[in-house]
Amino acid sequence: MSQSVSLQPIAEDVYAAPQLSPEAMASAAEAGFKAVINNRPDMEGGPDQPTNEAIEAAAKAAGLQYAYLPVQGAYQSPEEIAQCAALLKDLPRPLLMFCRSGARSTKLYHQAIALDE
């Protein structure tokens, strides 16, 4: 990944990142990631934010598995947490999750793994 992308490890094989561009998907694949989860709703940051559709196309072109699970920053529903838990079980690792800052992806991850505890 580019030096400008701040990756935060949230588990041994799961990382969180701030907003990623379609161009970052090739870098993620080159860095060894196998899958990406986008937790940021489209247009949350206005018209300059890359769309899920563009990021998904770039991820698939780079050979990554991709999931779109948009959640709000302040609240993730029990259904969204359960969906994340299912994705965490199904997607290959290492896995990269992203949102606006990385914080909501980190929070969602921890809530999802708590379901199995």
PDB file of N, CA and C in Angstrom:
ATOM      1  N   MET A   1       0.846  -1.185   0.000  1.00  0.00           N
ATOM      2  CA  MET A   1       0.000   0.000   0.000  1.00  0.00           C
ATOM      3  C   MET A   1       0.890   1.247   0.000  1.00  0.00           C
ATOM      4  N   SER A   2       0.325   2.291  -0.489  1.00  0.00           N
ATOM      5  CA  SER A   2       1.005   3.569  -0.560  1.00  0.00           C
ATOM      6  C   SER A   2       1.378   4.057   0.839  1.00  0.00           C
ATOM      7  N   GLN A   3       2.464   4.784   0.904  1.00  0.00           N
ATOM      8  CA  GLN A   3       2.886   5.359   2.192  1.00  0.00           C
ATOM      9  C   GLN A   3       1.833   6.323   2.743  1.00  0.00           C
ATOM     10  N   SER A   4       0.997   6.888   1.857  1.00  0.00           N
ATOM     11  CA  SER A   4       0.022   7.873   2.301  1.00  0.00           C
ATOM     12  C   SER A   4      -1.222   7.243   2.928  1.00  0.00           C
ATOM     13  N   VAL A   5      -1.389   5.926   2.787  1.00  0.00           N
ATOM     14  CA  VAL A   5      -2.546   5.254   3.374  1.00  0.00           C
ATOM     15  C   VAL A   5      -2.169   4.736   4.758  1.00  0.00           C
ATOM     16  N   SER A   6      -2.931   5.156   5.744  1.00  0.00           N
ATOM     17  CA  SER A   6      -2.663   4.759   7.122  1.00  0.00           C
ATOM     18  C   SER A   6      -3.461   3.505   7.467  1.00  0.00           C
ATOM     19  N   LEU A   7      -2.789   2.373   7.529  1.00  0.00           N
ATOM     20  CA  LEU A   7      -3.435   1.116   7.885  1.00  0.00           C
ATOM     21  C   LEU A   7      -3.275   0.878   9.379  1.00  0.00           C
ATOM     22  N   GLN A   8      -4.378   0.532  10.024  1.00  0.00           N
ATOM     23  CA  GLN A   8      -4.352   0.232  11.446  1.00  0.00           C
ATOM     24  C   GLN A   8      -4.672  -1.247  11.642  1.00  0.00           C
ATOM     25  N   PRO A   9      -3.749  -2.031  12.215  1.00  0.00           N
ATOM     26  CA  PRO A   9      -4.087  -3.430  12.489  1.00  0.00           C
ATOM     27  C   PRO A   9      -5.151  -3.513  13.576  1.00  0.00           C
ATOM     28  N   ILE A  10      -6.216  -4.291  13.306  1.00  0.00           N
ATOM     29  CA  ILE A  10      -7.251  -4.480  14.330  1.00  0.00           C
ATOM     30  C   ILE A  10      -7.345  -5.947  14.747  1.00  0.00           C
ATOM     31  N   ALA A  11      -6.624  -6.794  14.053  1.00  0.00           N
ATOM     32  CA  ALA A  11      -6.475  -8.207  14.402  1.00  0.00           C
ATOM     33  C   ALA A  11      -5.235  -8.678  13.650  1.00  0.00           C
ATOM     34  N   GLU A  12      -4.863  -9.918  13.877  1.00  0.00           N
ATOM     35  CA  GLU A  12      -3.645 -10.435  13.245  1.00  0.00           C
ATOM     36  C   GLU A  12      -3.688 -10.310  11.729  1.00  0.00           C
ATOM     37  N   ASP A  13      -4.858 -10.506  11.132  1.00  0.00           N
ATOM     38  CA  ASP A  13      -4.969 -10.503   9.679  1.00  0.00           C
ATOM     39  C   ASP A  13      -6.106  -9.618   9.166  1.00  0.00           C
ATOM     40  N   VAL A  14      -6.459  -8.602   9.971  1.00  0.00           N
ATOM     41  CA  VAL A  14      -7.504  -7.642   9.595  1.00  0.00           C
ATOM     42  C   VAL A  14      -6.987  -6.239   9.888  1.00  0.00           C
ATOM     43  N   TYR A  15      -7.152  -5.364   8.899  1.00  0.00           N
ATOM     44  CA  TYR A  15      -6.695  -3.985   9.020  1.00  0.00           C
ATOM     45  C   TYR A  15      -7.833  -3.039   8.697  1.00  0.00           C
ATOM     46  N   ALA A  16      -7.779  -1.842   9.287  1.00  0.00           N
ATOM     47  CA  ALA A  16      -8.729  -0.777   8.988  1.00  0.00           C
ATOM     48  C   ALA A  16      -7.976   0.362   8.322  1.00  0.00           C
ATOM     49  N   ALA A  17      -8.690   1.055   7.430  1.00  0.00           N
ATOM     50  CA  ALA A  17      -8.095   2.182   6.714  1.00  0.00           C
ATOM     51  C   ALA A  17      -9.135   3.274   6.543  1.00  0.00           C
ATOM     52  N   PRO A  18      -8.666   4.515   6.336  1.00  0.00           N
ATOM     53  CA  PRO A  18      -9.593   5.573   5.960  1.00  0.00           C
ATOM     54  C   PRO A  18     -10.020   5.383   4.505  1.00  0.00           C
ATOM     55  N   GLN A  19     -10.898   6.249   4.026  1.00  0.00           N
ATOM     56  CA  GLN A  19     -11.441   6.161   2.671  1.00  0.00           C
ATOM     57  C   GLN A  19     -10.375   5.749   1.659  1.00  0.00           C
ATOM     58  N   LEU A  20     -10.680   4.729   0.877  1.00  0.00           N
ATOM     59  CA  LEU A  20      -9.786   4.267  -0.176  1.00  0.00           C
ATOM     60  C   LEU A  20     -10.375   4.617  -1.533  1.00  0.00           C
ATOM     61  N   SER A  21      -9.502   4.825  -2.478  1.00  0.00           N
ATOM     62  CA  SER A  21      -9.914   5.145  -3.840  1.00  0.00           C
ATOM     63  C   SER A  21      -9.946   3.865  -4.672  1.00  0.00           C
ATOM     64  N   PRO A  22     -10.563   3.920  -5.835  1.00  0.00           N
ATOM     65  CA  PRO A  22     -10.499   2.758  -6.724  1.00  0.00           C
ATOM     66  C   PRO A  22      -9.044   2.379  -7.049  1.00  0.00           C
ATOM     67  N   GLU A  23      -8.195   3.380  -7.203  1.00  0.00           N
ATOM     68  CA  GLU A  23      -6.791   3.123  -7.527  1.00  0.00           C
ATOM     69  C   GLU A  23      -6.067   2.375  -6.408  1.00  0.00           C
ATOM     70  N   ALA A  24      -6.527   2.522  -5.179  1.00  0.00           N
ATOM     71  CA  ALA A  24      -5.891   1.848  -4.044  1.00  0.00           C
ATOM     72  C   ALA A  24      -6.130   0.342  -4.042  1.00  0.00           C
ATOM     73  N   MET A  25      -7.101  -0.137  -4.798  1.00  0.00           N
ATOM     74  CA  MET A  25      -7.407  -1.569  -4.791  1.00  0.00           C
ATOM     75  C   MET A  25      -6.259  -2.392  -5.372  1.00  0.00           C
ATOM     76  N   ALA A  26      -5.619  -1.911  -6.425  1.00  0.00           N
ATOM     77  CA  ALA A  26      -4.467  -2.627  -6.983  1.00  0.00           C
ATOM     78  C   ALA A  26      -3.324  -2.664  -5.969  1.00  0.00           C
ATOM     79  N   SER A  27      -3.127  -1.554  -5.265  1.00  0.00           N
ATOM     80  CA  SER A  27      -2.081  -1.513  -4.237  1.00  0.00           C
ATOM     81  C   SER A  27      -2.398  -2.470  -3.100  1.00  0.00           C
ATOM     82  N   ALA A  28      -3.678  -2.562  -2.727  1.00  0.00           N
ATOM     83  CA  ALA A  28      -4.070  -3.486  -1.659  1.00  0.00           C
ATOM     84  C   ALA A  28      -3.772  -4.928  -2.070  1.00  0.00           C
ATOM     85  N   ALA A  29      -4.081  -5.268  -3.306  1.00  0.00           N
ATOM     86  CA  ALA A  29      -3.791  -6.624  -3.794  1.00  0.00           C
ATOM     87  C   ALA A  29      -2.286  -6.872  -3.813  1.00  0.00           C
ATOM     88  N   GLU A  30      -1.524  -5.892  -4.265  1.00  0.00           N
ATOM     89  CA  GLU A  30      -0.058  -6.035  -4.299  1.00  0.00           C
ATOM     90  C   GLU A  30       0.517  -6.189  -2.896  1.00  0.00           C
ATOM     91  N   ALA A  31      -0.131  -5.578  -1.908  1.00  0.00           N
ATOM     92  CA  ALA A  31       0.321  -5.670  -0.517  1.00  0.00           C
ATOM     93  C   ALA A  31      -0.058  -7.006   0.116  1.00  0.00           C
ATOM     94  N   GLY A  32      -0.821  -7.827  -0.613  1.00  0.00           N
ATOM     95  CA  GLY A  32      -1.155  -9.157  -0.109  1.00  0.00           C
ATOM     96  C   GLY A  32      -2.564  -9.323   0.410  1.00  0.00           C
ATOM     97  N   PHE A  33      -3.357  -8.259   0.412  1.00  0.00           N
ATOM     98  CA  PHE A  33      -4.737  -8.401   0.874  1.00  0.00           C
ATOM     99  C   PHE A  33      -5.517  -9.282  -0.098  1.00  0.00           C
ATOM    100  N   LYS A  34      -6.450 -10.035   0.454  1.00  0.00           N
ATOM    101  CA  LYS A  34      -7.284 -10.951  -0.341  1.00  0.00           C
ATOM    102  C   LYS A  34      -8.715 -10.445  -0.485  1.00  0.00           C
ATOM    103  N   ALA A  35      -9.141  -9.568   0.448  1.00  0.00           N
ATOM    104  CA  ALA A  35     -10.522  -9.094   0.441  1.00  0.00           C
ATOM    105  C   ALA A  35     -10.597  -7.702   1.061  1.00  0.00           C
ATOM    106  N   VAL A  36     -11.676  -6.993   0.673  1.00  0.00           N
ATOM    107  CA  VAL A  36     -11.929  -5.638   1.154  1.00  0.00           C
ATOM    108  C   VAL A  36     -13.402  -5.529   1.548  1.00  0.00           C
ATOM    109  N   ILE A  37     -13.658  -4.866   2.679  1.00  0.00           N
ATOM    110  CA  ILE A  37     -15.026  -4.522   3.078  1.00  0.00           C
ATOM    111  C   ILE A  37     -15.123  -3.000   3.127  1.00  0.00           C
ATOM    112  N   ASN A  38     -16.061  -2.446   2.372  1.00  0.00           N
ATOM    113  CA  ASN A  38     -16.324  -1.015   2.354  1.00  0.00           C
ATOM    114  C   ASN A  38     -17.479  -0.740   3.312  1.00  0.00           C
ATOM    115  N   ASN A  39     -17.207   0.004   4.385  1.00  0.00           N
ATOM    116  CA  ASN A  39     -18.228   0.327   5.383  1.00  0.00           C
ATOM    117  C   ASN A  39     -18.760   1.753   5.267  1.00  0.00           C
ATOM    118  N   ARG A  40     -18.393   2.463   4.214  1.00  0.00           N
ATOM    119  CA  ARG A  40     -18.803   3.865   4.080  1.00  0.00           C
ATOM    120  C   ARG A  40     -19.960   4.005   3.091  1.00  0.00           C
ATOM    121  N   PRO A  41     -21.074   4.581   3.531  1.00  0.00           N
ATOM    122  CA  PRO A  41     -22.191   4.793   2.615  1.00  0.00           C
ATOM    123  C   PRO A  41     -21.804   5.717   1.452  1.00  0.00           C
ATOM    124  N   ASP A  42     -22.295   5.422   0.266  1.00  0.00           N
ATOM    125  CA  ASP A  42     -22.066   6.288  -0.882  1.00  0.00           C
ATOM    126  C   ASP A  42     -22.551   7.699  -0.587  1.00  0.00           C
ATOM    127  N   MET A  43     -21.825   8.680  -1.084  1.00  0.00           N
ATOM    128  CA  MET A  43     -22.164  10.101  -1.003  1.00  0.00           C
ATOM    129  C   MET A  43     -22.127  10.671   0.412  1.00  0.00           C
ATOM    130  N   GLU A  44     -21.648   9.905   1.374  1.00  0.00           N
ATOM    131  CA  GLU A  44     -21.548  10.417   2.745  1.00  0.00           C
ATOM    132  C   GLU A  44     -20.647  11.659   2.790  1.00  0.00           C
ATOM    133  N   GLY A  45     -19.605  11.633   1.987  1.00  0.00           N
ATOM    134  CA  GLY A  45     -18.660  12.743   1.973  1.00  0.00           C
ATOM    135  C   GLY A  45     -18.887  13.709   0.830  1.00  0.00           C
ATOM    136  N   GLY A  46     -20.022  13.586   0.157  1.00  0.00           N
ATOM    137  CA  GLY A  46     -20.313  14.468  -0.957  1.00  0.00           C
ATOM    138  C   GLY A  46     -19.931  13.850  -2.291  1.00  0.00           C
ATOM    139  N   PRO A  47     -20.062  14.612  -3.356  1.00  0.00           N
ATOM    140  CA  PRO A  47     -19.870  14.069  -4.698  1.00  0.00           C
ATOM    141  C   PRO A  47     -18.429  13.691  -5.038  1.00  0.00           C
ATOM    142  N   ASP A  48     -17.462  14.148  -4.254  1.00  0.00           N
ATOM    143  CA  ASP A  48     -16.064  13.803  -4.535  1.00  0.00           C
ATOM    144  C   ASP A  48     -15.665  12.439  -3.983  1.00  0.00           C
ATOM    145  N   GLN A  49     -16.496  11.869  -3.145  1.00  0.00           N
ATOM    146  CA  GLN A  49     -16.204  10.544  -2.582  1.00  0.00           C
ATOM    147  C   GLN A  49     -16.360   9.485  -3.671  1.00  0.00           C
ATOM    148  N   PRO A  50     -15.395   8.572  -3.801  1.00  0.00           N
ATOM    149  CA  PRO A  50     -15.560   7.506  -4.801  1.00  0.00           C
ATOM    150  C   PRO A  50     -16.774   6.632  -4.466  1.00  0.00           C
ATOM    151  N   THR A  51     -17.473   6.176  -5.481  1.00  0.00           N
ATOM    152  CA  THR A  51     -18.662   5.355  -5.258  1.00  0.00           C
ATOM    153  C   THR A  51     -18.291   3.904  -4.996  1.00  0.00           C
ATOM    154  N   ASN A  52     -19.189   3.223  -4.324  1.00  0.00           N
ATOM    155  CA  ASN A  52     -19.029   1.800  -4.100  1.00  0.00           C
ATOM    156  C   ASN A  52     -18.831   1.071  -5.428  1.00  0.00           C
ATOM    157  N   GLU A  53     -19.624   1.422  -6.428  1.00  0.00           N
ATOM    158  CA  GLU A  53     -19.544   0.749  -7.725  1.00  0.00           C
ATOM    159  C   GLU A  53     -18.148   0.862  -8.335  1.00  0.00           C
ATOM    160  N   ALA A  54     -17.548   2.036  -8.278  1.00  0.00           N
ATOM    161  CA  ALA A  54     -16.209   2.231  -8.837  1.00  0.00           C
ATOM    162  C   ALA A  54     -15.161   1.463  -8.039  1.00  0.00           C
ATOM    163  N   ILE A  55     -15.280   1.475  -6.717  1.00  0.00           N
ATOM    164  CA  ILE A  55     -14.309   0.763  -5.876  1.00  0.00           C
ATOM    165  C   ILE A  55     -14.450  -0.739  -6.071  1.00  0.00           C
ATOM    166  N   GLU A  56     -15.682  -1.220  -6.131  1.00  0.00           N
ATOM    167  CA  GLU A  56     -15.913  -2.652  -6.333  1.00  0.00           C
ATOM    168  C   GLU A  56     -15.332  -3.125  -7.659  1.00  0.00           C
ATOM    169  N   ALA A  57     -15.546  -2.371  -8.725  1.00  0.00           N
ATOM    170  CA  ALA A  57     -15.006  -2.754 -10.034  1.00  0.00           C
ATOM    171  C   ALA A  57     -13.483  -2.830  -9.992  1.00  0.00           C
ATOM    172  N   ALA A  58     -12.853  -1.859  -9.340  1.00  0.00           N
ATOM    173  CA  ALA A  58     -11.394  -1.854  -9.234  1.00  0.00           C
ATOM    174  C   ALA A  58     -10.895  -3.005  -8.370  1.00  0.00           C
ATOM    175  N   ALA A  59     -11.614  -3.296  -7.292  1.00  0.00           N
ATOM    176  CA  ALA A  59     -11.222  -4.402  -6.408  1.00  0.00           C
ATOM    177  C   ALA A  59     -11.280  -5.733  -7.166  1.00  0.00           C
ATOM    178  N   LYS A  60     -12.370  -5.949  -7.874  1.00  0.00           N
ATOM    179  CA  LYS A  60     -12.515  -7.199  -8.622  1.00  0.00           C
ATOM    180  C   LYS A  60     -11.474  -7.295  -9.736  1.00  0.00           C
ATOM    181  N   ALA A  61     -11.177  -6.175 -10.393  1.00  0.00           N
ATOM    182  CA  ALA A  61     -10.144  -6.167 -11.434  1.00  0.00           C
ATOM    183  C   ALA A  61      -8.770  -6.511 -10.858  1.00  0.00           C
ATOM    184  N   ALA A  62      -8.563  -6.169  -9.586  1.00  0.00           N
ATOM    185  CA  ALA A  62      -7.287  -6.460  -8.911  1.00  0.00           C
ATOM    186  C   ALA A  62      -7.256  -7.865  -8.316  1.00  0.00           C
ATOM    187  N   GLY A  63      -8.362  -8.605  -8.456  1.00  0.00           N
ATOM    188  CA  GLY A  63      -8.407  -9.967  -7.942  1.00  0.00           C
ATOM    189  C   GLY A  63      -8.820 -10.075  -6.489  1.00  0.00           C
ATOM    190  N   LEU A  64      -9.385  -9.008  -5.945  1.00  0.00           N
ATOM    191  CA  LEU A  64      -9.817  -9.014  -4.545  1.00  0.00           C
ATOM    192  C   LEU A  64     -11.284  -9.424  -4.435  1.00  0.00           C
ATOM    193  N   GLN A  65     -11.620 -10.111  -3.372  1.00  0.00           N
ATOM    194  CA  GLN A  65     -13.023 -10.290  -3.034  1.00  0.00           C
ATOM    195  C   GLN A  65     -13.471  -8.996  -2.366  1.00  0.00           C
ATOM    196  N   TYR A  66     -14.736  -8.635  -2.574  1.00  0.00           N
ATOM    197  CA  TYR A  66     -15.205  -7.323  -2.147  1.00  0.00           C
ATOM    198  C   TYR A  66     -16.592  -7.428  -1.550  1.00  0.00           C
ATOM    199  N   ALA A  67     -16.813  -6.687  -0.473  1.00  0.00           N
ATOM    200  CA  ALA A  67     -18.138  -6.625   0.140  1.00  0.00           C
ATOM    201  C   ALA A  67     -18.454  -5.178   0.486  1.00  0.00           C
ATOM    202  N   TYR A  68     -19.716  -4.820   0.309  1.00  0.00           N
ATOM    203  CA  TYR A  68     -20.191  -3.478   0.638  1.00  0.00           C
ATOM    204  C   TYR A  68     -21.169  -3.599   1.791  1.00  0.00           C
ATOM    205  N   LEU A  69     -20.766  -3.104   2.943  1.00  0.00           N
ATOM    206  CA  LEU A  69     -21.605  -3.117   4.135  1.00  0.00           C
ATOM    207  C   LEU A  69     -21.585  -1.705   4.730  1.00  0.00           C
ATOM    208  N   PRO A  70     -22.358  -0.782   4.128  1.00  0.00           N
ATOM    209  CA  PRO A  70     -22.340   0.588   4.620  1.00  0.00           C
ATOM    210  C   PRO A  70     -23.047   0.719   5.962  1.00  0.00           C
ATOM    211  N   VAL A  71     -22.396   1.383   6.889  1.00  0.00           N
ATOM    212  CA  VAL A  71     -22.979   1.598   8.213  1.00  0.00           C
ATOM    213  C   VAL A  71     -22.749   3.044   8.622  1.00  0.00           C
ATOM    214  N   GLN A  72     -23.603   3.527   9.508  1.00  0.00           N
ATOM    215  CA  GLN A  72     -23.457   4.877  10.044  1.00  0.00           C
ATOM    216  C   GLN A  72     -22.327   4.888  11.083  1.00  0.00           C
ATOM    217  N   GLY A  73     -21.736   6.040  11.267  1.00  0.00           N
ATOM    218  CA  GLY A  73     -20.632   6.148  12.211  1.00  0.00           C
ATOM    219  C   GLY A  73     -21.038   5.977  13.659  1.00  0.00           C
ATOM    220  N   ALA A  74     -22.175   6.517  14.026  1.00  0.00           N
ATOM    221  CA  ALA A  74     -22.570   6.527  15.433  1.00  0.00           C
ATOM    222  C   ALA A  74     -23.295   5.268  15.881  1.00  0.00           C
ATOM    223  N   TYR A  75     -23.874   4.523  14.935  1.00  0.00           N
ATOM    224  CA  TYR A  75     -24.686   3.375  15.330  1.00  0.00           C
ATOM    225  C   TYR A  75     -24.629   2.297  14.259  1.00  0.00           C
ATOM    226  N   GLN A  76     -24.373   1.078  14.701  1.00  0.00           N
ATOM    227  CA  GLN A  76     -24.469  -0.093  13.825  1.00  0.00           C
ATOM    228  C   GLN A  76     -25.543  -0.990  14.412  1.00  0.00           C
ATOM    229  N   SER A  77     -26.523  -1.346  13.577  1.00  0.00           N
ATOM    230  CA  SER A  77     -27.644  -2.158  14.048  1.00  0.00           C
ATOM    231  C   SER A  77     -27.196  -3.595  14.325  1.00  0.00           C
ATOM    232  N   PRO A  78     -27.976  -4.327  15.111  1.00  0.00           N
ATOM    233  CA  PRO A  78     -27.658  -5.740  15.321  1.00  0.00           C
ATOM    234  C   PRO A  78     -27.581  -6.519  14.005  1.00  0.00           C
ATOM    235  N   GLU A  79     -28.414  -6.149  13.039  1.00  0.00           N
ATOM    236  CA  GLU A  79     -28.381  -6.835  11.737  1.00  0.00           C
ATOM    237  C   GLU A  79     -27.081  -6.538  11.000  1.00  0.00           C
ATOM    238  N   GLU A  80     -26.626  -5.299  11.044  1.00  0.00           N
ATOM    239  CA  GLU A  80     -25.365  -4.935  10.391  1.00  0.00           C
ATOM    240  C   GLU A  80     -24.183  -5.632  11.068  1.00  0.00           C
ATOM    241  N   ILE A  81     -24.223  -5.702  12.379  1.00  0.00           N
ATOM    242  CA  ILE A  81     -23.152  -6.391  13.110  1.00  0.00           C
ATOM    243  C   ILE A  81     -23.132  -7.870  12.744  1.00  0.00           C
ATOM    244  N   ALA A  82     -24.294  -8.485  12.655  1.00  0.00           N
ATOM    245  CA  ALA A  82     -24.379  -9.897  12.260  1.00  0.00           C
ATOM    246  C   ALA A  82     -23.897 -10.096  10.827  1.00  0.00           C
ATOM    247  N   GLN A  83     -24.229  -9.157   9.935  1.00  0.00           N
ATOM    248  CA  GLN A  83     -23.746  -9.245   8.550  1.00  0.00           C
ATOM    249  C   GLN A  83     -22.224  -9.169   8.513  1.00  0.00           C
ATOM    250  N   CYS A  84     -21.654  -8.287   9.324  1.00  0.00           N
ATOM    251  CA  CYS A  84     -20.195  -8.182   9.387  1.00  0.00           C
ATOM    252  C   CYS A  84     -19.582  -9.475   9.909  1.00  0.00           C
ATOM    253  N   ALA A  85     -20.183 -10.052  10.939  1.00  0.00           N
ATOM    254  CA  ALA A  85     -19.673 -11.312  11.485  1.00  0.00           C
ATOM    255  C   ALA A  85     -19.665 -12.397  10.414  1.00  0.00           C
ATOM    256  N   ALA A  86     -20.714 -12.452   9.607  1.00  0.00           N
ATOM    257  CA  ALA A  86     -20.777 -13.445   8.533  1.00  0.00           C
ATOM    258  C   ALA A  86     -19.692 -13.182   7.485  1.00  0.00           C
ATOM    259  N   LEU A  87     -19.482 -11.920   7.137  1.00  0.00           N
ATOM    260  CA  LEU A  87     -18.430 -11.590   6.173  1.00  0.00           C
ATOM    261  C   LEU A  87     -17.056 -11.957   6.720  1.00  0.00           C
ATOM    262  N   LEU A  88     -16.842 -11.697   8.005  1.00  0.00           N
ATOM    263  CA  LEU A  88     -15.551 -12.024   8.610  1.00  0.00           C
ATOM    264  C   LEU A  88     -15.280 -13.522   8.572  1.00  0.00           C
ATOM    265  N   LYS A  89     -16.329 -14.321   8.633  1.00  0.00           N
ATOM    266  CA  LYS A  89     -16.161 -15.778   8.552  1.00  0.00           C
ATOM    267  C   LYS A  89     -15.930 -16.246   7.122  1.00  0.00           C
ATOM    268  N   ASP A  90     -16.538 -15.540   6.159  1.00  0.00           N
ATOM    269  CA  ASP A  90     -16.518 -15.999   4.768  1.00  0.00           C
ATOM    270  C   ASP A  90     -15.370 -15.464   3.926  1.00  0.00           C
ATOM    271  N   LEU A  91     -14.937 -14.254   4.188  1.00  0.00           N
ATOM    272  CA  LEU A  91     -13.934 -13.635   3.327  1.00  0.00           C
ATOM    273  C   LEU A  91     -12.528 -14.120   3.673  1.00  0.00           C
ATOM    274  N   PRO A  92     -11.679 -14.257   2.646  1.00  0.00           N
ATOM    275  CA  PRO A  92     -10.303 -14.687   2.902  1.00  0.00           C
ATOM    276  C   PRO A  92      -9.491 -13.580   3.564  1.00  0.00           C
ATOM    277  N   ARG A  93      -8.436 -13.985   4.195  1.00  0.00           N
ATOM    278  CA  ARG A  93      -7.533 -13.063   4.888  1.00  0.00           C
ATOM    279  C   ARG A  93      -6.189 -13.049   4.171  1.00  0.00           C
ATOM    280  N   PRO A  94      -5.430 -11.981   4.342  1.00  0.00           N
ATOM    281  CA  PRO A  94      -5.706 -10.788   5.113  1.00  0.00           C
ATOM    282  C   PRO A  94      -6.819  -9.942   4.485  1.00  0.00           C
ATOM    283  N   LEU A  95      -7.512  -9.250   5.369  1.00  0.00           N
ATOM    284  CA  LEU A  95      -8.713  -8.503   5.028  1.00  0.00           C
ATOM    285  C   LEU A  95      -8.508  -7.033   5.364  1.00  0.00           C
ATOM    286  N   LEU A  96      -9.007  -6.163   4.490  1.00  0.00           N
ATOM    287  CA  LEU A  96      -8.907  -4.722   4.682  1.00  0.00           C
ATOM    288  C   LEU A  96     -10.310  -4.139   4.749  1.00  0.00           C
ATOM    289  N   MET A  97     -10.627  -3.465   5.849  1.00  0.00           N
ATOM    290  CA  MET A  97     -11.917  -2.797   6.031  1.00  0.00           C
ATOM    291  C   MET A  97     -11.669  -1.296   5.989  1.00  0.00           C
ATOM    292  N   PHE A  98     -12.614  -0.544   5.385  1.00  0.00           N
ATOM    293  CA  PHE A  98     -12.423   0.901   5.393  1.00  0.00           C
ATOM    294  C   PHE A  98     -13.739   1.656   5.503  1.00  0.00           C
ATOM    295  N   CYS A  99     -13.602   2.903   5.971  1.00  0.00           N
ATOM    296  CA  CYS A  99     -14.721   3.843   6.106  1.00  0.00           C
ATOM    297  C   CYS A  99     -14.119   5.242   5.940  1.00  0.00           C
ATOM    298  N   ARG A 100     -14.701   6.248   6.553  1.00  0.00           N
ATOM    299  CA  ARG A 100     -14.140   7.594   6.404  1.00  0.00           C
ATOM    300  C   ARG A 100     -12.773   7.712   7.071  1.00  0.00           C
ATOM    301  N   SER A 101     -12.667   7.253   8.318  1.00  0.00           N
ATOM    302  CA  SER A 101     -11.411   7.392   9.059  1.00  0.00           C
ATOM    303  C   SER A 101     -10.788   6.056   9.451  1.00  0.00           C
ATOM    304  N   GLY A 102     -11.571   4.979   9.392  1.00  0.00           N
ATOM    305  CA  GLY A 102     -11.142   3.671   9.880  1.00  0.00           C
ATOM    306  C   GLY A 102     -11.756   3.327  11.226  1.00  0.00           C
ATOM    307  N   ALA A 103     -12.261   4.336  11.939  1.00  0.00           N
ATOM    308  CA  ALA A 103     -12.791   4.108  13.285  1.00  0.00           C
ATOM    309  C   ALA A 103     -14.071   3.277  13.272  1.00  0.00           C
ATOM    310  N   ARG A 104     -14.990   3.569  12.370  1.00  0.00           N
ATOM    311  CA  ARG A 104     -16.247   2.815  12.369  1.00  0.00           C
ATOM    312  C   ARG A 104     -16.011   1.372  11.934  1.00  0.00           C
ATOM    313  N   SER A 105     -15.074   1.138  11.007  1.00  0.00           N
ATOM    314  CA  SER A 105     -14.740  -0.239  10.616  1.00  0.00           C
ATOM    315  C   SER A 105     -14.157  -0.999  11.803  1.00  0.00           C
ATOM    316  N   THR A 106     -13.309  -0.329  12.575  1.00  0.00           N
ATOM    317  CA  THR A 106     -12.720  -0.952  13.758  1.00  0.00           C
ATOM    318  C   THR A 106     -13.800  -1.298  14.779  1.00  0.00           C
ATOM    319  N   LYS A 107     -14.692  -0.355  15.032  1.00  0.00           N
ATOM    320  CA  LYS A 107     -15.789  -0.579  15.979  1.00  0.00           C
ATOM    321  C   LYS A 107     -16.682  -1.724  15.508  1.00  0.00           C
ATOM    322  N   LEU A 108     -17.019  -1.721  14.228  1.00  0.00           N
ATOM    323  CA  LEU A 108     -17.870  -2.773  13.672  1.00  0.00           C
ATOM    324  C   LEU A 108     -17.197  -4.136  13.797  1.00  0.00           C
ATOM    325  N   TYR A 109     -15.909  -4.206  13.512  1.00  0.00           N
ATOM    326  CA  TYR A 109     -15.165  -5.461  13.640  1.00  0.00           C
ATOM    327  C   TYR A 109     -15.275  -5.994  15.074  1.00  0.00           C
ATOM    328  N   HIS A 110     -15.004  -5.134  16.046  1.00  0.00           N
ATOM    329  CA  HIS A 110     -15.008  -5.591  17.437  1.00  0.00           C
ATOM    330  C   HIS A 110     -16.411  -6.029  17.891  1.00  0.00           C
ATOM    331  N   GLN A 111     -17.433  -5.349  17.428  1.00  0.00           N
ATOM    332  CA  GLN A 111     -18.797  -5.760  17.758  1.00  0.00           C
ATOM    333  C   GLN A 111     -19.124  -7.109  17.121  1.00  0.00           C
ATOM    334  N   ALA A 112     -18.655  -7.308  15.892  1.00  0.00           N
ATOM    335  CA  ALA A 112     -18.939  -8.548  15.174  1.00  0.00           C
ATOM    336  C   ALA A 112     -18.248  -9.738  15.820  1.00  0.00           C
ATOM    337  N   ILE A 113     -16.988  -9.579  16.212  1.00  0.00           N
ATOM    338  CA  ILE A 113     -16.313 -10.735  16.824  1.00  0.00           C
ATOM    339  C   ILE A 113     -16.844 -11.013  18.213  1.00  0.00           C
ATOM    340  N   ALA A 114     -17.421 -10.006  18.874  1.00  0.00           N
ATOM    341  CA  ALA A 114     -18.002 -10.212  20.198  1.00  0.00           C
ATOM    342  C   ALA A 114     -19.216 -11.137  20.136  1.00  0.00           C
ATOM    343  N   LEU A 115     -19.852 -11.251  18.970  1.00  0.00           N
ATOM    344  CA  LEU A 115     -20.998 -12.151  18.827  1.00  0.00           C
ATOM    345  C   LEU A 115     -20.607 -13.608  19.049  1.00  0.00           C
ATOM    346  N   ASP A 116     -19.337 -13.937  18.751  1.00  0.00           N
ATOM    347  CA  ASP A 116     -18.859 -15.318  18.883  1.00  0.00           C
ATOM    348  C   ASP A 116     -18.260 -15.605  20.250  1.00  0.00           C
ATOM    349  N   GLU A 117     -18.182 -14.599  21.074  1.00  0.00           N
ATOM    350  CA  GLU A 117     -17.546 -14.807  22.386  1.00  0.00           C
ATOM    351  C   GLU A 117     -18.540 -15.231  23.437  1.00  0.00           C
TER     352      GLU A 117
END
